[in-house]
Amino acid sequence: MSATPASASVNVPALSEKQERILAYLHEHVDEQTYFKSRLIGDELDLSAKEVGTNMTAIQNSEVGLDVEKWGYSSSTTWKVTA
């Protein structure tokens, strides 16, 4: 029986270029605010709110050092992000 070392890496899919851009934006602004609207992130990164929402789900399901939670929907999805 072989044992798997505790330091063995888990096969986590890489983030896409859009997801990396969104993640960088969140890391940059998470100390300033906790709630982010997809529409406003999209405006900053030249993406549609739909593109942001779709990619936020991938970020939410990845180990990226942030806790991302879909929080509400009013004129665009709001995301609660904590470091």
C-alpha atoms as a PDB file:
ATOM      1  CA  MET A   1       0.000   0.000   0.000  1.00  0.00           C
ATOM      2  CA  SER A   2       1.444   3.362  -0.978  1.00  0.00           C
ATOM      3  CA  ALA A   3       0.835   6.506   0.976  1.00  0.00           C
ATOM      4  CA  THR A   4       0.247   9.851  -0.661  1.00  0.00           C
ATOM      5  CA  PRO A   5       2.409  12.592   0.844  1.00  0.00           C
ATOM      6  CA  ALA A   6       0.538  15.448   2.516  1.00  0.00           C
ATOM      7  CA  SER A   7       2.320  17.853   0.183  1.00  0.00           C
ATOM      8  CA  ALA A   8       0.970  16.157  -2.937  1.00  0.00           C
ATOM      9  CA  SER A   9      -0.595  18.695  -5.255  1.00  0.00           C
ATOM     10  CA  VAL A  10      -4.254  18.535  -6.143  1.00  0.00           C
ATOM     11  CA  ASN A  11      -5.115  18.804  -9.812  1.00  0.00           C
ATOM     12  CA  VAL A  12      -6.829  22.216  -9.858  1.00  0.00           C
ATOM     13  CA  PRO A  13      -7.771  23.588 -13.270  1.00  0.00           C
ATOM     14  CA  ALA A  14      -5.929  26.761 -14.223  1.00  0.00           C
ATOM     15  CA  LEU A  15      -7.896  29.969 -14.392  1.00  0.00           C
ATOM     16  CA  SER A  16      -8.534  31.559 -17.768  1.00  0.00           C
ATOM     17  CA  GLU A  17      -7.136  34.955 -18.732  1.00  0.00           C
ATOM     18  CA  LYS A  18     -10.466  36.661 -17.898  1.00  0.00           C
ATOM     19  CA  GLN A  19     -10.650  34.882 -14.550  1.00  0.00           C
ATOM     20  CA  GLU A  20      -7.072  35.938 -13.748  1.00  0.00           C
ATOM     21  CA  ARG A  21      -7.956  39.570 -14.573  1.00  0.00           C
ATOM     22  CA  ILE A  22     -11.040  39.460 -12.350  1.00  0.00           C
ATOM     23  CA  LEU A  23      -9.074  37.785  -9.560  1.00  0.00           C
ATOM     24  CA  ALA A  24      -6.337  40.445  -9.756  1.00  0.00           C
ATOM     25  CA  TYR A  25      -9.012  43.162  -9.559  1.00  0.00           C
ATOM     26  CA  LEU A  26     -10.576  41.528  -6.495  1.00  0.00           C
ATOM     27  CA  HIS A  27      -7.210  41.103  -4.745  1.00  0.00           C
ATOM     28  CA  GLU A  28      -6.407  44.750  -5.464  1.00  0.00           C
ATOM     29  CA  HIS A  29      -9.704  46.086  -4.070  1.00  0.00           C
ATOM     30  CA  VAL A  30     -10.740  43.601  -1.356  1.00  0.00           C
ATOM     31  CA  ASP A  31      -9.189  45.758   1.408  1.00  0.00           C
ATOM     32  CA  GLU A  32     -11.237  48.763   0.257  1.00  0.00           C
ATOM     33  CA  GLN A  33     -14.600  47.035  -0.094  1.00  0.00           C
ATOM     34  CA  THR A  34     -16.323  43.744   0.534  1.00  0.00           C
ATOM     35  CA  TYR A  35     -19.213  43.776  -1.930  1.00  0.00           C
ATOM     36  CA  PHE A  36     -18.688  43.917  -5.685  1.00  0.00           C
ATOM     37  CA  LYS A  37     -21.257  44.192  -8.472  1.00  0.00           C
ATOM     38  CA  SER A  38     -20.611  42.225 -11.652  1.00  0.00           C
ATOM     39  CA  ARG A  39     -21.586  45.270 -13.701  1.00  0.00           C
ATOM     40  CA  LEU A  40     -19.007  47.521 -12.010  1.00  0.00           C
ATOM     41  CA  ILE A  41     -16.214  44.946 -12.261  1.00  0.00           C
ATOM     42  CA  GLY A  42     -17.103  44.557 -15.931  1.00  0.00           C
ATOM     43  CA  ASP A  43     -16.935  48.319 -16.465  1.00  0.00           C
ATOM     44  CA  GLU A  44     -13.448  48.402 -14.947  1.00  0.00           C
ATOM     45  CA  LEU A  45     -12.156  45.410 -16.939  1.00  0.00           C
ATOM     46  CA  ASP A  46     -14.004  45.985 -20.231  1.00  0.00           C
ATOM     47  CA  LEU A  47     -16.158  42.867 -19.764  1.00  0.00           C
ATOM     48  CA  SER A  48     -19.912  42.418 -19.695  1.00  0.00           C
ATOM     49  CA  ALA A  49     -21.668  41.763 -16.383  1.00  0.00           C
ATOM     50  CA  LYS A  50     -22.578  38.321 -17.745  1.00  0.00           C
ATOM     51  CA  GLU A  51     -18.923  37.508 -18.485  1.00  0.00           C
ATOM     52  CA  VAL A  52     -17.973  38.573 -14.965  1.00  0.00           C
ATOM     53  CA  GLY A  53     -20.749  36.483 -13.389  1.00  0.00           C
ATOM     54  CA  THR A  54     -19.824  33.394 -15.374  1.00  0.00           C
ATOM     55  CA  ASN A  55     -16.163  33.727 -14.479  1.00  0.00           C
ATOM     56  CA  MET A  56     -16.829  34.593 -10.822  1.00  0.00           C
ATOM     57  CA  THR A  57     -18.373  31.144 -10.406  1.00  0.00           C
ATOM     58  CA  ALA A  58     -15.089  29.552 -11.514  1.00  0.00           C
ATOM     59  CA  ILE A  59     -13.170  31.807  -9.123  1.00  0.00           C
ATOM     60  CA  GLN A  60     -15.642  30.960  -6.355  1.00  0.00           C
ATOM     61  CA  ASN A  61     -14.981  27.242  -6.873  1.00  0.00           C
ATOM     62  CA  SER A  62     -11.170  27.593  -6.933  1.00  0.00           C
ATOM     63  CA  GLU A  63      -8.623  27.873  -4.151  1.00  0.00           C
ATOM     64  CA  VAL A  64      -7.493  31.447  -4.790  1.00  0.00           C
ATOM     65  CA  GLY A  65      -7.062  32.893  -1.306  1.00  0.00           C
ATOM     66  CA  LEU A  66     -10.403  34.702  -1.346  1.00  0.00           C
ATOM     67  CA  ASP A  67     -13.830  33.660  -0.134  1.00  0.00           C
ATOM     68  CA  VAL A  68     -16.321  34.555  -2.876  1.00  0.00           C
ATOM     69  CA  GLU A  69     -20.043  34.277  -2.195  1.00  0.00           C
ATOM     70  CA  LYS A  70     -22.955  35.196  -4.434  1.00  0.00           C
ATOM     71  CA  TRP A  71     -24.738  37.712  -2.248  1.00  0.00           C
ATOM     72  CA  GLY A  72     -27.639  39.341  -4.055  1.00  0.00           C
ATOM     73  CA  TYR A  73     -29.134  40.501  -7.293  1.00  0.00           C
ATOM     74  CA  SER A  74     -30.204  44.081  -7.853  1.00  0.00           C
ATOM     75  CA  SER A  75     -29.328  45.741 -11.169  1.00  0.00           C
ATOM     76  CA  SER A  76     -26.465  43.201 -11.378  1.00  0.00           C
ATOM     77  CA  THR A  77     -25.242  40.297  -9.261  1.00  0.00           C
ATOM     78  CA  THR A  78     -23.497  41.345  -6.071  1.00  0.00           C
ATOM     79  CA  TRP A  79     -20.604  39.257  -4.763  1.00  0.00           C
ATOM     80  CA  LYS A  80     -19.346  39.234  -1.188  1.00  0.00           C
ATOM     81  CA  VAL A  81     -15.560  38.849  -1.243  1.00  0.00           C
ATOM     82  CA  THR A  82     -13.381  38.420   1.833  1.00  0.00           C
ATOM     83  CA  ALA A  83      -9.679  37.740   2.126  1.00  0.00           C
END
